[in-house]
Amino acid sequence: MKEERDAPLAPLTTMRVGGPARRLLTATTEAEVIDAVRAADAAGEPVLVLGGGSNLVIADDGFPGTVVRVATTGIDVESADACGGAHVRIAAGEVWDEVVARAVAQGWSGIEALSGIPGSAGATPVQNVGAYGQEVAQTIARVRTWDRQAGQVRTFANTECDFTYRHSLFKGSTYRGAGRFVVLDVVFQFVLADLSAPVAYADLATQLGVELGTRVPLADAREAVLAQRRRRGMVLDAADHDTWSCGSFFTNPILTADEFAGLEAAVTQQLGADAPTTPRYP
């Protein structure tokens, strides 16, 4: 495990800003991740677990404790058949977009619409990462974690993760002012197919020239999503500073059926019969 003192954190984030860490530990194995977090907790030090550095803004003063950078790797197929699909265990430190690219190349359907999202695989279940009509809750089978409070490895089945819109058990559970659970790996259950999941996002369907609900070749879906994200400056490019951001952190408002009906009525009243259809997601 590599240890650095007063290590700059800005290069490890997608914002490219922020001060140094008092101590930076880069863990390349699961055992190193657990040992680093456990030792820092035992010493009473503030702990920041760092993945791909997206959705993260570091203060100019830096972090006055131990930063554990999760740099584990591994994509292992546990099983694959037409009935059960492909069960694939992915280490937390794997780069997420590289995981998506691998899935598309292998014919693992279910995360192609999540192309171009920065960060690491271990971060995806924390906020139930989603985009363009897909979210990881639809394909996650199990999440294996280090429970900082209990001091043990714990595995959660999908139904135990409390997945909701951009939220999960892991995001909602804290310990000593930070996340209680450190994700070690995630098992995804993909459909074995050359075609995408049904296209569920209107702009994406328009770009692909298909109706909502249509399945398209996996590679076509990925390229269409990347094109959508590039138009919005949301695909990281080291040479283009305009793409350096902390990710898309906005969430859609959640309305009751009555509230949504009231919104539609207000839009129609203001804009008349030519008012655009108010977008909605189930």
C-alpha atoms as a PDB file:
ATOM      1  CA  MET A   1       0.000   0.000   0.000  1.00  0.00           C
ATOM      2  CA  LYS A   2       1.408   3.354  -1.036  1.00  0.00           C
ATOM      3  CA  GLU A   3       1.480   6.103   1.601  1.00  0.00           C
ATOM      4  CA  GLU A   4       2.010   9.798   0.910  1.00  0.00           C
ATOM      5  CA  ARG A   5       2.098  12.791   3.264  1.00  0.00           C
ATOM      6  CA  ASP A   6       0.676  16.192   2.306  1.00  0.00           C
ATOM      7  CA  ALA A   7      -0.406  14.616  -0.972  1.00  0.00           C
ATOM      8  CA  PRO A   8      -2.227  16.830  -3.501  1.00  0.00           C
ATOM      9  CA  LEU A   9      -5.834  15.770  -3.975  1.00  0.00           C
ATOM     10  CA  ALA A  10      -6.832  18.066  -6.838  1.00  0.00           C
ATOM     11  CA  PRO A  11      -5.439  15.737  -9.553  1.00  0.00           C
ATOM     12  CA  LEU A  12      -7.512  12.882  -8.106  1.00  0.00           C
ATOM     13  CA  THR A  13     -10.833  14.721  -8.536  1.00  0.00           C
ATOM     14  CA  THR A  14     -12.845  15.619 -11.619  1.00  0.00           C
ATOM     15  CA  MET A  15     -12.977  19.258 -10.493  1.00  0.00           C
ATOM     16  CA  ARG A  16      -9.146  19.469 -10.341  1.00  0.00           C
ATOM     17  CA  VAL A  17      -9.300  21.764  -7.300  1.00  0.00           C
ATOM     18  CA  GLY A  18      -8.571  21.467  -3.594  1.00  0.00           C
ATOM     19  CA  GLY A  19      -5.738  21.229  -1.115  1.00  0.00           C
ATOM     20  CA  PRO A  20      -3.676  18.272   0.101  1.00  0.00           C
ATOM     21  CA  ALA A  21      -4.474  15.299   2.304  1.00  0.00           C
ATOM     22  CA  ARG A  22      -2.554  15.022   5.553  1.00  0.00           C
ATOM     23  CA  ARG A  23      -2.076  11.387   4.608  1.00  0.00           C
ATOM     24  CA  LEU A  24      -3.026   9.565   1.417  1.00  0.00           C
ATOM     25  CA  LEU A  25      -3.134   5.769   1.299  1.00  0.00           C
ATOM     26  CA  THR A  26      -3.604   4.111  -2.094  1.00  0.00           C
ATOM     27  CA  ALA A  27      -5.057   0.625  -1.601  1.00  0.00           C
ATOM     28  CA  THR A  28      -4.817  -1.811  -4.495  1.00  0.00           C
ATOM     29  CA  THR A  29      -6.271  -4.868  -2.749  1.00  0.00           C
ATOM     30  CA  GLU A  30      -9.400  -5.465  -0.714  1.00  0.00           C
ATOM     31  CA  ALA A  31      -7.310  -6.318   2.338  1.00  0.00           C
ATOM     32  CA  GLU A  32      -5.452  -3.017   2.032  1.00  0.00           C
ATOM     33  CA  VAL A  33      -8.722  -1.080   1.831  1.00  0.00           C
ATOM     34  CA  ILE A  34     -10.035  -2.739   4.983  1.00  0.00           C
ATOM     35  CA  ASP A  35      -6.740  -2.404   6.885  1.00  0.00           C
ATOM     36  CA  ALA A  36      -6.391   1.286   5.992  1.00  0.00           C
ATOM     37  CA  VAL A  37      -9.924   2.214   7.021  1.00  0.00           C
ATOM     38  CA  ARG A  38      -9.856   0.075  10.158  1.00  0.00           C
ATOM     39  CA  ALA A  39      -6.509   1.513  11.321  1.00  0.00           C
ATOM     40  CA  ALA A  40      -7.609   5.101  10.751  1.00  0.00           C
ATOM     41  CA  ASP A  41     -10.865   4.473  12.625  1.00  0.00           C
ATOM     42  CA  ALA A  42      -8.979   2.874  15.514  1.00  0.00           C
ATOM     43  CA  ALA A  43      -6.715   5.921  15.712  1.00  0.00           C
ATOM     44  CA  GLY A  44      -9.697   8.275  15.752  1.00  0.00           C
ATOM     45  CA  GLU A  45      -8.634   9.987  12.518  1.00  0.00           C
ATOM     46  CA  PRO A  46     -11.055  11.594  10.062  1.00  0.00           C
ATOM     47  CA  VAL A  47     -11.437   9.275   7.066  1.00  0.00           C
ATOM     48  CA  LEU A  48     -12.298  10.078   3.463  1.00  0.00           C
ATOM     49  CA  VAL A  49     -12.769   7.134   1.108  1.00  0.00           C
ATOM     50  CA  LEU A  50     -11.896   8.260  -2.424  1.00  0.00           C
ATOM     51  CA  GLY A  51     -12.933   6.528  -5.617  1.00  0.00           C
ATOM     52  CA  GLY A  52     -12.939   8.266  -8.985  1.00  0.00           C
ATOM     53  CA  GLY A  53     -13.156  11.734  -7.463  1.00  0.00           C
ATOM     54  CA  SER A  54     -16.467  12.774  -9.035  1.00  0.00           C
ATOM     55  CA  ASN A  55     -19.270  14.413  -7.031  1.00  0.00           C
ATOM     56  CA  LEU A  56     -16.495  15.629  -4.737  1.00  0.00           C
ATOM     57  CA  VAL A  57     -15.219  19.119  -3.997  1.00  0.00           C
ATOM     58  CA  ILE A  58     -12.077  19.402  -1.856  1.00  0.00           C
ATOM     59  CA  ALA A  59     -11.593  22.583   0.188  1.00  0.00           C
ATOM     60  CA  ASP A  60      -8.484  24.669  -0.431  1.00  0.00           C
ATOM     61  CA  ASP A  61      -7.292  23.669   3.041  1.00  0.00           C
ATOM     62  CA  GLY A  62      -7.344  20.017   2.000  1.00  0.00           C
ATOM     63  CA  PHE A  63      -8.374  17.098   4.217  1.00  0.00           C
ATOM     64  CA  PRO A  64      -7.006  16.970   7.791  1.00  0.00           C
ATOM     65  CA  GLY A  65      -6.976  13.197   8.109  1.00  0.00           C
ATOM     66  CA  THR A  66      -6.496   9.980   6.168  1.00  0.00           C
ATOM     67  CA  VAL A  67      -7.715   9.642   2.596  1.00  0.00           C
ATOM     68  CA  VAL A  68      -8.057   6.033   1.485  1.00  0.00           C
ATOM     69  CA  ARG A  69      -7.967   5.858  -2.284  1.00  0.00           C
ATOM     70  CA  VAL A  70      -9.662   2.675  -3.512  1.00  0.00           C
ATOM     71  CA  ALA A  71      -7.636   1.436  -6.507  1.00  0.00           C
ATOM     72  CA  THR A  72      -8.716  -2.204  -6.553  1.00  0.00           C
ATOM     73  CA  THR A  73      -9.242  -3.946  -9.888  1.00  0.00           C
ATOM     74  CA  GLY A  74     -10.971  -7.041 -11.171  1.00  0.00           C
ATOM     75  CA  ILE A  75     -13.918  -7.998 -13.380  1.00  0.00           C
ATOM     76  CA  ASP A  76     -14.774 -11.645 -12.820  1.00  0.00           C
ATOM     77  CA  VAL A  77     -17.600 -13.594 -14.452  1.00  0.00           C
ATOM     78  CA  GLU A  78     -19.114 -15.829 -11.771  1.00  0.00           C
ATOM     79  CA  SER A  79     -21.630 -17.465 -14.124  1.00  0.00           C
ATOM     80  CA  ALA A  80     -23.169 -16.903 -17.524  1.00  0.00           C
ATOM     81  CA  ASP A  81     -26.099 -18.664 -19.164  1.00  0.00           C
ATOM     82  CA  ALA A  82     -29.166 -17.776 -21.193  1.00  0.00           C
ATOM     83  CA  CYS A  83     -31.511 -18.339 -18.257  1.00  0.00           C
ATOM     84  CA  GLY A  84     -29.749 -16.507 -15.434  1.00  0.00           C
ATOM     85  CA  GLY A  85     -27.736 -14.033 -17.493  1.00  0.00           C
ATOM     86  CA  ALA A  86     -24.193 -13.043 -16.581  1.00  0.00           C
ATOM     87  CA  HIS A  87     -23.294 -12.615 -12.921  1.00  0.00           C
ATOM     88  CA  VAL A  88     -20.203 -10.400 -12.910  1.00  0.00           C
ATOM     89  CA  ARG A  89     -18.243  -9.363  -9.799  1.00  0.00           C
ATOM     90  CA  ILE A  90     -16.626  -5.946 -10.242  1.00  0.00           C
ATOM     91  CA  ALA A  91     -14.031  -4.518  -7.863  1.00  0.00           C
ATOM     92  CA  ALA A  92     -14.898  -1.149  -6.350  1.00  0.00           C
ATOM     93  CA  GLY A  93     -11.890   0.603  -7.869  1.00  0.00           C
ATOM     94  CA  GLU A  94     -12.678  -0.223 -11.479  1.00  0.00           C
ATOM     95  CA  VAL A  95     -13.299   2.835 -13.685  1.00  0.00           C
ATOM     96  CA  TRP A  96     -17.031   2.865 -14.307  1.00  0.00           C
ATOM     97  CA  ASP A  97     -17.066   3.836 -17.973  1.00  0.00           C
ATOM     98  CA  GLU A  98     -14.526   1.127 -18.717  1.00  0.00           C
ATOM     99  CA  VAL A  99     -16.904  -1.328 -17.040  1.00  0.00           C
ATOM    100  CA  VAL A 100     -19.720  -0.149 -19.312  1.00  0.00           C
ATOM    101  CA  ALA A 101     -17.508  -0.449 -22.385  1.00  0.00           C
ATOM    102  CA  ARG A 102     -16.578  -4.003 -21.340  1.00  0.00           C
ATOM    103  CA  ALA A 103     -20.249  -4.878 -20.836  1.00  0.00           C
ATOM    104  CA  VAL A 104     -21.168  -3.618 -24.296  1.00  0.00           C
ATOM    105  CA  ALA A 105     -18.300  -5.548 -25.888  1.00  0.00           C
ATOM    106  CA  GLN A 106     -19.234  -8.753 -24.039  1.00  0.00           C
ATOM    107  CA  GLY A 107     -22.954  -8.593 -24.773  1.00  0.00           C
ATOM    108  CA  TRP A 108     -23.967  -7.804 -21.182  1.00  0.00           C
ATOM    109  CA  SER A 109     -27.123  -5.731 -21.475  1.00  0.00           C
ATOM    110  CA  GLY A 110     -28.416  -3.410 -18.769  1.00  0.00           C
ATOM    111  CA  ILE A 111     -25.935  -0.556 -18.157  1.00  0.00           C
ATOM    112  CA  GLU A 112     -25.291   0.765 -21.683  1.00  0.00           C
ATOM    113  CA  ALA A 113     -27.277   3.955 -20.973  1.00  0.00           C
ATOM    114  CA  LEU A 114     -24.877   4.687 -18.096  1.00  0.00           C
ATOM    115  CA  SER A 115     -21.994   5.336 -20.486  1.00  0.00           C
ATOM    116  CA  GLY A 116     -19.738   8.335 -19.936  1.00  0.00           C
ATOM    117  CA  ILE A 117     -20.453   8.699 -16.221  1.00  0.00           C
ATOM    118  CA  PRO A 118     -17.245   9.500 -14.313  1.00  0.00           C
ATOM    119  CA  GLY A 119     -16.189   7.718 -11.152  1.00  0.00           C
ATOM    120  CA  SER A 120     -15.616   4.174  -9.981  1.00  0.00           C
ATOM    121  CA  ALA A 121     -17.778   1.062  -9.904  1.00  0.00           C
ATOM    122  CA  GLY A 122     -17.893   1.012  -6.105  1.00  0.00           C
ATOM    123  CA  ALA A 123     -19.577   4.394  -6.009  1.00  0.00           C
ATOM    124  CA  THR A 124     -22.478   3.404  -8.248  1.00  0.00           C
ATOM    125  CA  PRO A 125     -24.667   1.658  -5.647  1.00  0.00           C
ATOM    126  CA  VAL A 126     -24.170   4.445  -3.099  1.00  0.00           C
ATOM    127  CA  GLN A 127     -26.428   6.914  -4.859  1.00  0.00           C
ATOM    128  CA  ASN A 128     -28.016   4.407  -7.199  1.00  0.00           C
ATOM    129  CA  VAL A 129     -26.370   6.005 -10.211  1.00  0.00           C
ATOM    130  CA  GLY A 130     -28.724   6.467 -13.126  1.00  0.00           C
ATOM    131  CA  ALA A 131     -29.171   8.265 -16.445  1.00  0.00           C
ATOM    132  CA  TYR A 132     -31.191   8.068 -19.662  1.00  0.00           C
ATOM    133  CA  GLY A 133     -33.803   5.755 -18.187  1.00  0.00           C
ATOM    134  CA  GLN A 134     -31.478   3.268 -16.484  1.00  0.00           C
ATOM    135  CA  GLU A 135     -30.147   2.976 -12.948  1.00  0.00           C
ATOM    136  CA  VAL A 136     -27.792   0.455 -11.392  1.00  0.00           C
ATOM    137  CA  ALA A 137     -30.496  -0.838  -9.045  1.00  0.00           C
ATOM    138  CA  GLN A 138     -31.971  -2.598 -12.087  1.00  0.00           C
ATOM    139  CA  THR A 139     -28.901  -4.811 -12.519  1.00  0.00           C
ATOM    140  CA  ILE A 140     -27.174  -5.004  -9.119  1.00  0.00           C
ATOM    141  CA  ALA A 141     -27.497  -8.422  -7.487  1.00  0.00           C
ATOM    142  CA  ARG A 142     -25.273  -7.970  -4.419  1.00  0.00           C
ATOM    143  CA  VAL A 143     -23.032  -5.361  -2.802  1.00  0.00           C
ATOM    144  CA  ARG A 144     -20.166  -6.450  -0.546  1.00  0.00           C
ATOM    145  CA  THR A 145     -18.951  -3.875   1.966  1.00  0.00           C
ATOM    146  CA  TRP A 146     -16.747  -3.202   4.963  1.00  0.00           C
ATOM    147  CA  ASP A 147     -19.009  -2.148   7.837  1.00  0.00           C
ATOM    148  CA  ARG A 148     -16.937   0.387   9.775  1.00  0.00           C
ATOM    149  CA  GLN A 149     -19.275   0.388  12.758  1.00  0.00           C
ATOM    150  CA  ALA A 150     -19.552  -3.403  13.140  1.00  0.00           C
ATOM    151  CA  GLY A 151     -15.950  -4.043  12.087  1.00  0.00           C
ATOM    152  CA  GLN A 152     -16.831  -6.791   9.617  1.00  0.00           C
ATOM    153  CA  VAL A 153     -17.474  -7.574   5.971  1.00  0.00           C
ATOM    154  CA  ARG A 154     -21.189  -7.503   5.110  1.00  0.00           C
ATOM    155  CA  THR A 155     -22.957  -8.459   1.902  1.00  0.00           C
ATOM    156  CA  PHE A 156     -26.291  -6.948   0.913  1.00  0.00           C
ATOM    157  CA  ALA A 157     -28.696  -8.446  -1.612  1.00  0.00           C
ATOM    158  CA  ASN A 158     -30.420  -6.007  -3.940  1.00  0.00           C
ATOM    159  CA  THR A 159     -33.605  -5.933  -1.850  1.00  0.00           C
ATOM    160  CA  GLU A 160     -31.587  -5.057   1.264  1.00  0.00           C
ATOM    161  CA  CYS A 161     -29.920  -2.025  -0.321  1.00  0.00           C
ATOM    162  CA  ASP A 162     -33.020   0.197   0.012  1.00  0.00           C
ATOM    163  CA  PHE A 163     -32.546   1.561  -3.492  1.00  0.00           C
ATOM    164  CA  THR A 164     -34.686   4.556  -4.361  1.00  0.00           C
ATOM    165  CA  TYR A 165     -34.181   7.499  -6.698  1.00  0.00           C
ATOM    166  CA  ARG A 166     -30.484   8.490  -6.312  1.00  0.00           C
ATOM    167  CA  HIS A 167     -30.405   6.998  -2.834  1.00  0.00           C
ATOM    168  CA  SER A 168     -29.556   3.782  -1.005  1.00  0.00           C
ATOM    169  CA  LEU A 169     -28.813   2.295   2.377  1.00  0.00           C
ATOM    170  CA  PHE A 170     -25.153   3.126   1.802  1.00  0.00           C
ATOM    171  CA  LYS A 171     -25.815   6.806   1.197  1.00  0.00           C
ATOM    172  CA  GLY A 172     -28.124   7.055   4.172  1.00  0.00           C
ATOM    173  CA  SER A 173     -25.909   5.282   6.739  1.00  0.00           C
ATOM    174  CA  THR A 174     -23.163   7.227   8.486  1.00  0.00           C
ATOM    175  CA  TYR A 175     -20.406   6.510  10.984  1.00  0.00           C
ATOM    176  CA  ARG A 176     -18.258   9.159  12.640  1.00  0.00           C
ATOM    177  CA  GLY A 177     -19.457  11.785  10.218  1.00  0.00           C
ATOM    178  CA  ALA A 178     -18.807   9.790   7.038  1.00  0.00           C
ATOM    179  CA  GLY A 179     -20.209   6.758   5.245  1.00  0.00           C
ATOM    180  CA  ARG A 180     -20.625   3.683   7.401  1.00  0.00           C
ATOM    181  CA  PHE A 181     -20.159   1.190   4.559  1.00  0.00           C
ATOM    182  CA  VAL A 182     -17.112   1.030   2.301  1.00  0.00           C
ATOM    183  CA  VAL A 183     -18.015  -0.793  -0.911  1.00  0.00           C
ATOM    184  CA  LEU A 184     -15.547  -3.578  -1.730  1.00  0.00           C
ATOM    185  CA  ASP A 185     -17.172  -5.026  -4.839  1.00  0.00           C
ATOM    186  CA  VAL A 186     -20.484  -5.224  -6.638  1.00  0.00           C
ATOM    187  CA  VAL A 187     -22.065  -8.207  -8.366  1.00  0.00           C
ATOM    188  CA  PHE A 188     -24.164  -7.271 -11.393  1.00  0.00           C
ATOM    189  CA  GLN A 189     -26.666  -9.539 -13.116  1.00  0.00           C
ATOM    190  CA  PHE A 190     -26.773  -8.687 -16.817  1.00  0.00           C
ATOM    191  CA  VAL A 191     -28.989  -9.995 -19.581  1.00  0.00           C
ATOM    192  CA  LEU A 192     -26.993 -11.827 -22.237  1.00  0.00           C
ATOM    193  CA  ALA A 193     -27.985  -9.992 -25.409  1.00  0.00           C
ATOM    194  CA  ASP A 194     -26.692  -7.993 -28.346  1.00  0.00           C
ATOM    195  CA  LEU A 195     -29.518  -5.506 -27.865  1.00  0.00           C
ATOM    196  CA  SER A 196     -29.967  -2.829 -25.250  1.00  0.00           C
ATOM    197  CA  ALA A 197     -32.633  -2.688 -22.595  1.00  0.00           C
ATOM    198  CA  PRO A 198     -35.752  -0.924 -23.954  1.00  0.00           C
ATOM    199  CA  VAL A 199     -34.901   2.721 -24.644  1.00  0.00           C
ATOM    200  CA  ALA A 200     -36.638   4.717 -21.917  1.00  0.00           C
ATOM    201  CA  TYR A 201     -35.508   8.300 -22.541  1.00  0.00           C
ATOM    202  CA  ALA A 202     -37.292  10.421 -25.151  1.00  0.00           C
ATOM    203  CA  ASP A 203     -34.291  12.415 -26.420  1.00  0.00           C
ATOM    204  CA  LEU A 204     -32.267   9.230 -26.714  1.00  0.00           C
ATOM    205  CA  ALA A 205     -35.028   7.537 -28.691  1.00  0.00           C
ATOM    206  CA  THR A 206     -35.251  10.561 -30.993  1.00  0.00           C
ATOM    207  CA  GLN A 207     -31.525  10.530 -31.607  1.00  0.00           C
ATOM    208  CA  LEU A 208     -31.600   6.812 -32.380  1.00  0.00           C
ATOM    209  CA  GLY A 209     -34.627   7.265 -34.620  1.00  0.00           C
ATOM    210  CA  VAL A 210     -36.733   4.728 -32.734  1.00  0.00           C
ATOM    211  CA  GLU A 211     -39.847   4.649 -30.579  1.00  0.00           C
ATOM    212  CA  LEU A 212     -39.629   4.580 -26.809  1.00  0.00           C
ATOM    213  CA  GLY A 213     -39.368   0.984 -25.628  1.00  0.00           C
ATOM    214  CA  THR A 214     -37.389  -0.154 -28.654  1.00  0.00           C
ATOM    215  CA  ARG A 215     -34.242  -2.222 -28.158  1.00  0.00           C
ATOM    216  CA  VAL A 216     -31.219  -1.268 -30.247  1.00  0.00           C
ATOM    217  CA  PRO A 217     -27.713  -2.730 -30.665  1.00  0.00           C
ATOM    218  CA  LEU A 218     -25.682  -2.203 -27.484  1.00  0.00           C
ATOM    219  CA  ALA A 219     -22.931  -0.281 -29.268  1.00  0.00           C
ATOM    220  CA  ASP A 220     -25.483   2.059 -30.859  1.00  0.00           C
ATOM    221  CA  ALA A 221     -27.046   2.793 -27.474  1.00  0.00           C
ATOM    222  CA  ARG A 222     -23.656   3.532 -25.920  1.00  0.00           C
ATOM    223  CA  GLU A 223     -22.576   5.861 -28.720  1.00  0.00           C
ATOM    224  CA  ALA A 224     -25.895   7.707 -28.636  1.00  0.00           C
ATOM    225  CA  VAL A 225     -25.601   8.263 -24.898  1.00  0.00           C
ATOM    226  CA  LEU A 226     -22.011   9.486 -25.230  1.00  0.00           C
ATOM    227  CA  ALA A 227     -23.111  11.885 -27.961  1.00  0.00           C
ATOM    228  CA  GLN A 228     -25.899  13.217 -25.720  1.00  0.00           C
ATOM    229  CA  ARG A 229     -23.471  13.726 -22.844  1.00  0.00           C
ATOM    230  CA  ARG A 230     -20.803  15.361 -25.018  1.00  0.00           C
ATOM    231  CA  ARG A 231     -23.319  17.938 -26.241  1.00  0.00           C
ATOM    232  CA  ARG A 232     -23.848  18.888 -22.598  1.00  0.00           C
ATOM    233  CA  GLY A 233     -20.124  18.952 -21.763  1.00  0.00           C
ATOM    234  CA  MET A 234     -20.576  15.910 -19.524  1.00  0.00           C
ATOM    235  CA  VAL A 235     -17.871  13.585 -20.878  1.00  0.00           C
ATOM    236  CA  LEU A 236     -14.560  14.264 -19.153  1.00  0.00           C
ATOM    237  CA  ASP A 237     -11.802  15.454 -21.457  1.00  0.00           C
ATOM    238  CA  ALA A 238      -8.385  16.270 -20.001  1.00  0.00           C
ATOM    239  CA  ALA A 239      -7.817  18.840 -22.757  1.00  0.00           C
ATOM    240  CA  ASP A 240     -11.163  20.606 -22.305  1.00  0.00           C
ATOM    241  CA  HIS A 241     -11.477  22.435 -19.004  1.00  0.00           C
ATOM    242  CA  ASP A 242     -15.172  23.032 -19.601  1.00  0.00           C
ATOM    243  CA  THR A 243     -15.758  19.330 -18.958  1.00  0.00           C
ATOM    244  CA  TRP A 244     -14.050  19.417 -15.558  1.00  0.00           C
ATOM    245  CA  SER A 245     -16.958  19.247 -13.150  1.00  0.00           C
ATOM    246  CA  CYS A 246     -18.208  17.399 -10.088  1.00  0.00           C
ATOM    247  CA  GLY A 247     -20.736  15.502 -12.156  1.00  0.00           C
ATOM    248  CA  SER A 248     -24.462  15.929 -12.612  1.00  0.00           C
ATOM    249  CA  PHE A 249     -25.695  16.428  -9.072  1.00  0.00           C
ATOM    250  CA  PHE A 250     -29.187  17.755  -9.814  1.00  0.00           C
ATOM    251  CA  THR A 251     -32.159  15.507  -9.140  1.00  0.00           C
ATOM    252  CA  ASN A 252     -35.649  15.621 -10.564  1.00  0.00           C
ATOM    253  CA  PRO A 253     -38.446  16.760  -8.234  1.00  0.00           C
ATOM    254  CA  ILE A 254     -40.679  13.992  -6.924  1.00  0.00           C
ATOM    255  CA  LEU A 255     -44.376  14.852  -7.171  1.00  0.00           C
ATOM    256  CA  THR A 256     -47.562  13.099  -6.194  1.00  0.00           C
ATOM    257  CA  ALA A 257     -50.071  12.331  -8.952  1.00  0.00           C
ATOM    258  CA  ASP A 258     -52.184  15.329  -7.882  1.00  0.00           C
ATOM    259  CA  GLU A 259     -49.179  17.659  -7.814  1.00  0.00           C
ATOM    260  CA  PHE A 260     -48.137  16.523 -11.284  1.00  0.00           C
ATOM    261  CA  ALA A 261     -51.655  17.065 -12.629  1.00  0.00           C
ATOM    262  CA  GLY A 262     -51.608  20.565 -11.165  1.00  0.00           C
ATOM    263  CA  LEU A 263     -48.267  21.279 -12.830  1.00  0.00           C
ATOM    264  CA  GLU A 264     -49.560  20.108 -16.216  1.00  0.00           C
ATOM    265  CA  ALA A 265     -52.673  22.278 -15.827  1.00  0.00           C
ATOM    266  CA  ALA A 266     -50.568  25.337 -14.971  1.00  0.00           C
ATOM    267  CA  VAL A 267     -48.298  24.796 -17.992  1.00  0.00           C
ATOM    268  CA  THR A 268     -51.291  24.415 -20.299  1.00  0.00           C
ATOM    269  CA  GLN A 269     -52.906  27.542 -18.864  1.00  0.00           C
ATOM    270  CA  GLN A 270     -49.750  29.565 -19.421  1.00  0.00           C
ATOM    271  CA  LEU A 271     -48.802  28.229 -22.859  1.00  0.00           C
ATOM    272  CA  GLY A 272     -52.102  27.119 -24.319  1.00  0.00           C
ATOM    273  CA  ALA A 273     -52.852  24.102 -26.454  1.00  0.00           C
ATOM    274  CA  ASP A 274     -49.350  24.122 -27.965  1.00  0.00           C
ATOM    275  CA  ALA A 275     -47.715  23.539 -24.577  1.00  0.00           C
ATOM    276  CA  PRO A 276     -45.099  20.777 -24.666  1.00  0.00           C
ATOM    277  CA  THR A 277     -45.782  17.572 -22.807  1.00  0.00           C
ATOM    278  CA  THR A 278     -44.384  17.738 -19.295  1.00  0.00           C
ATOM    279  CA  PRO A 279     -41.743  14.998 -18.969  1.00  0.00           C
ATOM    280  CA  ARG A 280     -42.326  12.335 -16.350  1.00  0.00           C
ATOM    281  CA  TYR A 281     -40.526   9.219 -15.201  1.00  0.00           C
ATOM    282  CA  PRO A 282     -42.070   6.278 -13.338  1.00  0.00           C
END
